[in-house]
Amino acid sequence: MEITQDKFIYVKSDYNDVKIEFDDILYIQGLKDYVKVYITERPVITHSNLKNFELKLPVGKFFRVQKSFIVQLNKIQAIHENNVIVGNKEIPIGERYKDDFFRRMRS
């Protein structure tokens, strides 16, 4: 990761610096030493861990719903029991994150 701005971030992917608009991010998946960013066009994979990537995201716009997933709050289409639906993906809300998530969604 190189530059963080108010509306986008540049990440290294396939030897390129790829610009990702924060508004285009649906959700982010941690894969050990890599992060897969699901955007509207196609996923982008970059070398980072989820914790470090999370620090680069705008505060209040994204929420970590489990150990391996961060979702953009305004991209959540539905909450079904203990799952969030973003795009065509149903992501379970982790036990550790559940109370904070539902408190955030009610505020």
N, C-alpha and C. Protein backbone atom coordinates (compact mmCIF):
# COMPACT_ATOMS: atom_id res chain seq x y z
N MET A 1 0.83 -1.16 0.00
CA MET A 1 0.00 0.00 0.00
C MET A 1 0.88 1.23 0.00
N GLU A 2 0.48 2.19 -0.76
CA GLU A 2 1.36 3.33 -0.88
C GLU A 2 0.72 4.63 -0.41
N ILE A 3 -0.37 5.02 -0.99
CA ILE A 3 -0.94 6.33 -0.69
C ILE A 3 -2.39 6.16 -0.26
N THR A 4 -2.76 6.84 0.81
CA THR A 4 -4.15 6.86 1.23
C THR A 4 -4.66 8.29 1.09
N GLN A 5 -5.76 8.46 0.40
CA GLN A 5 -6.40 9.75 0.26
C GLN A 5 -7.77 9.66 0.90
N ASP A 6 -8.52 10.71 0.85
CA ASP A 6 -9.85 10.70 1.42
C ASP A 6 -10.81 9.76 0.69
N LYS A 7 -10.61 9.58 -0.62
CA LYS A 7 -11.59 8.84 -1.41
C LYS A 7 -11.05 7.57 -2.05
N PHE A 8 -9.74 7.36 -2.00
CA PHE A 8 -9.18 6.18 -2.65
C PHE A 8 -7.87 5.76 -2.00
N ILE A 9 -7.40 4.60 -2.44
CA ILE A 9 -6.13 4.06 -1.97
C ILE A 9 -5.45 3.40 -3.18
N TYR A 10 -4.14 3.45 -3.18
CA TYR A 10 -3.37 2.71 -4.19
C TYR A 10 -2.83 1.46 -3.52
N VAL A 11 -2.96 0.31 -4.18
CA VAL A 11 -2.40 -0.94 -3.68
C VAL A 11 -1.58 -1.59 -4.79
N LYS A 12 -0.58 -2.35 -4.39
CA LYS A 12 0.22 -3.12 -5.36
C LYS A 12 -0.53 -4.41 -5.66
N SER A 13 -0.71 -4.67 -6.95
CA SER A 13 -1.36 -5.90 -7.39
C SER A 13 -0.79 -6.26 -8.75
N ASP A 14 -0.26 -7.46 -8.87
CA ASP A 14 0.33 -7.91 -10.14
C ASP A 14 1.32 -6.89 -10.70
N TYR A 15 2.23 -6.42 -9.85
CA TYR A 15 3.29 -5.49 -10.24
C TYR A 15 2.78 -4.12 -10.70
N ASN A 16 1.53 -3.82 -10.41
CA ASN A 16 0.95 -2.52 -10.75
C ASN A 16 0.47 -1.83 -9.49
N ASP A 17 0.41 -0.52 -9.53
CA ASP A 17 -0.26 0.25 -8.49
C ASP A 17 -1.70 0.44 -8.96
N VAL A 18 -2.63 -0.16 -8.23
CA VAL A 18 -4.03 -0.12 -8.62
C VAL A 18 -4.78 0.85 -7.70
N LYS A 19 -5.49 1.77 -8.32
CA LYS A 19 -6.29 2.74 -7.56
C LYS A 19 -7.64 2.11 -7.25
N ILE A 20 -8.00 2.12 -5.97
CA ILE A 20 -9.30 1.58 -5.55
C ILE A 20 -10.06 2.70 -4.84
N GLU A 21 -11.19 3.04 -5.38
CA GLU A 21 -12.07 4.03 -4.75
C GLU A 21 -12.75 3.37 -3.56
N PHE A 22 -12.73 4.02 -2.39
CA PHE A 22 -13.37 3.45 -1.22
C PHE A 22 -14.85 3.16 -1.46
N ASP A 23 -15.52 4.04 -2.21
CA ASP A 23 -16.96 3.85 -2.49
C ASP A 23 -17.23 2.61 -3.33
N ASP A 24 -16.24 2.11 -4.06
CA ASP A 24 -16.43 0.93 -4.91
C ASP A 24 -16.24 -0.39 -4.16
N ILE A 25 -15.69 -0.32 -2.95
CA ILE A 25 -15.41 -1.55 -2.19
C ILE A 25 -16.70 -2.11 -1.62
N LEU A 26 -16.97 -3.39 -1.91
CA LEU A 26 -18.11 -4.08 -1.32
C LEU A 26 -17.70 -4.69 0.02
N TYR A 27 -16.65 -5.52 -0.04
CA TYR A 27 -16.11 -6.12 1.18
C TYR A 27 -14.67 -6.53 0.92
N ILE A 28 -13.99 -6.84 2.01
CA ILE A 28 -12.57 -7.18 1.96
C ILE A 28 -12.38 -8.50 2.71
N GLN A 29 -11.63 -9.39 2.11
CA GLN A 29 -11.39 -10.69 2.71
C GLN A 29 -9.90 -10.86 3.00
N GLY A 30 -9.58 -11.26 4.22
CA GLY A 30 -8.20 -11.53 4.59
C GLY A 30 -7.83 -12.97 4.26
N LEU A 31 -6.69 -13.15 3.61
CA LEU A 31 -6.19 -14.47 3.22
C LEU A 31 -4.74 -14.60 3.69
N LYS A 32 -4.54 -14.80 4.97
CA LYS A 32 -3.19 -14.86 5.57
C LYS A 32 -2.40 -13.60 5.28
N ASP A 33 -1.43 -13.68 4.36
CA ASP A 33 -0.57 -12.53 4.06
C ASP A 33 -1.08 -11.71 2.88
N TYR A 34 -2.29 -11.98 2.45
CA TYR A 34 -2.88 -11.26 1.32
C TYR A 34 -4.26 -10.76 1.70
N VAL A 35 -4.70 -9.76 0.98
CA VAL A 35 -6.04 -9.21 1.15
C VAL A 35 -6.70 -9.20 -0.22
N LYS A 36 -7.93 -9.67 -0.27
CA LYS A 36 -8.70 -9.67 -1.52
C LYS A 36 -9.80 -8.62 -1.35
N VAL A 37 -9.70 -7.57 -2.17
CA VAL A 37 -10.64 -6.45 -2.10
C VAL A 37 -11.68 -6.65 -3.20
N TYR A 38 -12.92 -6.86 -2.80
CA TYR A 38 -14.01 -7.06 -3.77
C TYR A 38 -14.60 -5.70 -4.10
N ILE A 39 -14.39 -5.30 -5.34
CA ILE A 39 -14.94 -4.04 -5.83
C ILE A 39 -15.96 -4.34 -6.91
N THR A 40 -16.59 -3.31 -7.41
CA THR A 40 -17.68 -3.52 -8.36
C THR A 40 -17.24 -4.21 -9.64
N GLU A 41 -16.02 -3.95 -10.13
CA GLU A 41 -15.59 -4.56 -11.39
C GLU A 41 -15.06 -5.99 -11.20
N ARG A 42 -14.02 -6.12 -10.37
CA ARG A 42 -13.37 -7.42 -10.16
C ARG A 42 -12.59 -7.35 -8.86
N PRO A 43 -12.30 -8.49 -8.25
CA PRO A 43 -11.51 -8.45 -7.02
C PRO A 43 -10.04 -8.09 -7.30
N VAL A 44 -9.43 -7.41 -6.36
CA VAL A 44 -8.02 -7.05 -6.44
C VAL A 44 -7.32 -7.71 -5.25
N ILE A 45 -6.21 -8.41 -5.53
CA ILE A 45 -5.45 -9.07 -4.47
C ILE A 45 -4.16 -8.30 -4.26
N THR A 46 -3.84 -8.02 -2.99
CA THR A 46 -2.62 -7.31 -2.65
C THR A 46 -1.95 -7.97 -1.46
N HIS A 47 -0.66 -7.78 -1.36
CA HIS A 47 0.11 -8.36 -0.27
C HIS A 47 -0.01 -7.47 0.96
N SER A 48 -0.78 -7.92 1.93
CA SER A 48 -0.99 -7.20 3.19
C SER A 48 -1.76 -8.15 4.09
N ASN A 49 -1.83 -7.82 5.36
CA ASN A 49 -2.75 -8.58 6.20
C ASN A 49 -3.96 -7.70 6.49
N LEU A 50 -5.03 -8.32 6.94
CA LEU A 50 -6.29 -7.61 7.11
C LEU A 50 -6.18 -6.50 8.16
N LYS A 51 -5.43 -6.75 9.21
CA LYS A 51 -5.30 -5.75 10.27
C LYS A 51 -4.64 -4.47 9.74
N ASN A 52 -3.55 -4.61 8.99
CA ASN A 52 -2.87 -3.44 8.43
C ASN A 52 -3.73 -2.74 7.39
N PHE A 53 -4.44 -3.51 6.58
CA PHE A 53 -5.30 -2.92 5.57
C PHE A 53 -6.43 -2.13 6.23
N GLU A 54 -6.98 -2.68 7.30
CA GLU A 54 -8.08 -2.02 8.01
C GLU A 54 -7.67 -0.63 8.51
N LEU A 55 -6.42 -0.46 8.89
CA LEU A 55 -5.94 0.84 9.37
C LEU A 55 -5.93 1.90 8.29
N LYS A 56 -5.93 1.50 7.04
CA LYS A 56 -5.91 2.44 5.91
C LYS A 56 -7.32 2.88 5.48
N LEU A 57 -8.34 2.23 6.02
CA LEU A 57 -9.72 2.52 5.61
C LEU A 57 -10.28 3.71 6.39
N PRO A 58 -11.19 4.46 5.78
CA PRO A 58 -11.81 5.58 6.49
C PRO A 58 -12.62 5.09 7.70
N VAL A 59 -12.44 5.75 8.81
CA VAL A 59 -13.13 5.39 10.05
C VAL A 59 -14.64 5.60 9.89
N GLY A 60 -15.41 4.63 10.35
CA GLY A 60 -16.86 4.74 10.34
C GLY A 60 -17.54 4.25 9.07
N LYS A 61 -16.78 4.02 8.02
CA LYS A 61 -17.36 3.61 6.75
C LYS A 61 -17.34 2.08 6.59
N PHE A 62 -16.39 1.44 7.24
CA PHE A 62 -16.21 -0.01 7.13
C PHE A 62 -16.30 -0.63 8.52
N PHE A 63 -16.66 -1.92 8.55
CA PHE A 63 -16.77 -2.61 9.83
C PHE A 63 -16.27 -4.04 9.68
N ARG A 64 -15.46 -4.47 10.60
CA ARG A 64 -14.97 -5.84 10.60
C ARG A 64 -16.04 -6.71 11.25
N VAL A 65 -16.60 -7.64 10.47
CA VAL A 65 -17.69 -8.48 10.95
C VAL A 65 -17.22 -9.86 11.41
N GLN A 66 -16.00 -10.21 11.08
CA GLN A 66 -15.39 -11.43 11.58
C GLN A 66 -13.90 -11.37 11.32
N LYS A 67 -13.20 -12.39 11.77
CA LYS A 67 -11.74 -12.42 11.69
C LYS A 67 -11.23 -12.17 10.27
N SER A 68 -11.95 -12.66 9.27
CA SER A 68 -11.45 -12.60 7.89
C SER A 68 -12.20 -11.65 6.97
N PHE A 69 -13.19 -10.91 7.47
CA PHE A 69 -13.98 -10.05 6.59
C PHE A 69 -14.25 -8.68 7.17
N ILE A 70 -14.12 -7.68 6.30
CA ILE A 70 -14.53 -6.30 6.59
C ILE A 70 -15.55 -5.93 5.51
N VAL A 71 -16.65 -5.31 5.91
CA VAL A 71 -17.67 -4.91 4.94
C VAL A 71 -17.82 -3.39 4.96
N GLN A 72 -18.22 -2.85 3.81
CA GLN A 72 -18.58 -1.44 3.77
C GLN A 72 -20.03 -1.35 4.24
N LEU A 73 -20.27 -0.55 5.25
CA LEU A 73 -21.59 -0.52 5.88
C LEU A 73 -22.69 -0.12 4.91
N ASN A 74 -22.45 0.85 4.03
CA ASN A 74 -23.53 1.28 3.14
C ASN A 74 -23.73 0.33 1.95
N LYS A 75 -22.94 -0.73 1.86
CA LYS A 75 -23.13 -1.74 0.80
C LYS A 75 -23.89 -2.96 1.32
N ILE A 76 -24.19 -2.98 2.61
CA ILE A 76 -24.96 -4.10 3.18
C ILE A 76 -26.38 -4.01 2.65
N GLN A 77 -26.81 -5.09 1.98
CA GLN A 77 -28.16 -5.11 1.41
C GLN A 77 -29.17 -5.66 2.39
N ALA A 78 -28.74 -6.56 3.27
CA ALA A 78 -29.64 -7.15 4.24
C ALA A 78 -28.83 -7.77 5.38
N ILE A 79 -29.50 -7.89 6.51
CA ILE A 79 -28.94 -8.62 7.65
C ILE A 79 -29.92 -9.74 7.94
N HIS A 80 -29.44 -10.96 7.83
CA HIS A 80 -30.29 -12.13 8.03
C HIS A 80 -29.72 -12.93 9.18
N GLU A 81 -30.44 -12.93 10.31
CA GLU A 81 -29.98 -13.57 11.53
C GLU A 81 -28.58 -13.06 11.86
N ASN A 82 -27.56 -13.89 11.81
CA ASN A 82 -26.21 -13.46 12.13
C ASN A 82 -25.32 -13.40 10.90
N ASN A 83 -25.90 -12.97 9.78
CA ASN A 83 -25.18 -12.85 8.53
C ASN A 83 -25.48 -11.49 7.90
N VAL A 84 -24.49 -10.96 7.18
CA VAL A 84 -24.74 -9.77 6.37
C VAL A 84 -24.66 -10.19 4.91
N ILE A 85 -25.49 -9.58 4.10
CA ILE A 85 -25.50 -9.87 2.66
C ILE A 85 -24.99 -8.63 1.95
N VAL A 86 -23.90 -8.83 1.22
CA VAL A 86 -23.26 -7.76 0.46
C VAL A 86 -23.05 -8.30 -0.95
N GLY A 87 -23.64 -7.63 -1.92
CA GLY A 87 -23.57 -8.15 -3.29
C GLY A 87 -24.23 -9.53 -3.31
N ASN A 88 -23.54 -10.51 -3.85
CA ASN A 88 -24.11 -11.87 -3.87
C ASN A 88 -23.45 -12.75 -2.81
N LYS A 89 -22.82 -12.14 -1.81
CA LYS A 89 -22.09 -12.87 -0.77
C LYS A 89 -22.80 -12.75 0.57
N GLU A 90 -22.98 -13.87 1.24
CA GLU A 90 -23.51 -13.89 2.59
C GLU A 90 -22.34 -14.15 3.53
N ILE A 91 -22.08 -13.20 4.42
CA ILE A 91 -20.92 -13.26 5.31
C ILE A 91 -21.41 -13.41 6.75
N PRO A 92 -21.00 -14.46 7.43
CA PRO A 92 -21.41 -14.63 8.83
C PRO A 92 -20.74 -13.59 9.73
N ILE A 93 -21.49 -13.11 10.71
CA ILE A 93 -20.96 -12.17 11.68
C ILE A 93 -20.35 -13.00 12.81
N GLY A 94 -19.09 -12.78 13.08
CA GLY A 94 -18.39 -13.53 14.12
C GLY A 94 -18.91 -13.20 15.50
N GLU A 95 -18.88 -14.17 16.37
CA GLU A 95 -19.35 -14.02 17.75
C GLU A 95 -18.65 -12.84 18.44
N ARG A 96 -17.38 -12.72 18.21
CA ARG A 96 -16.57 -11.66 18.83
C ARG A 96 -16.98 -10.26 18.37
N TYR A 97 -17.55 -10.14 17.18
CA TYR A 97 -17.87 -8.85 16.58
C TYR A 97 -19.37 -8.50 16.64
N LYS A 98 -20.17 -9.48 17.01
CA LYS A 98 -21.63 -9.35 16.92
C LYS A 98 -22.20 -8.18 17.71
N ASP A 99 -21.86 -8.06 19.00
CA ASP A 99 -22.43 -7.00 19.83
C ASP A 99 -22.09 -5.61 19.29
N ASP A 100 -20.82 -5.40 18.94
CA ASP A 100 -20.41 -4.10 18.40
C ASP A 100 -21.09 -3.80 17.07
N PHE A 101 -21.24 -4.83 16.23
CA PHE A 101 -21.87 -4.64 14.94
C PHE A 101 -23.33 -4.21 15.09
N PHE A 102 -24.09 -4.94 15.90
CA PHE A 102 -25.51 -4.60 16.03
C PHE A 102 -25.69 -3.26 16.76
N ARG A 103 -24.81 -2.94 17.68
CA ARG A 103 -24.86 -1.63 18.35
C ARG A 103 -24.61 -0.52 17.32
N ARG A 104 -23.65 -0.74 16.44
CA ARG A 104 -23.34 0.24 15.38
C ARG A 104 -24.49 0.41 14.40
N MET A 105 -25.12 -0.69 14.05
CA MET A 105 -26.21 -0.63 13.07
C MET A 105 -27.45 0.04 13.66
N ARG A 106 -27.62 -0.01 14.97
CA ARG A 106 -28.79 0.62 15.60
C ARG A 106 -28.59 2.11 15.82
N SER A 107 -27.33 2.57 15.80
CA SER A 107 -27.09 3.99 16.09
C SER A 107 -27.25 4.87 14.89
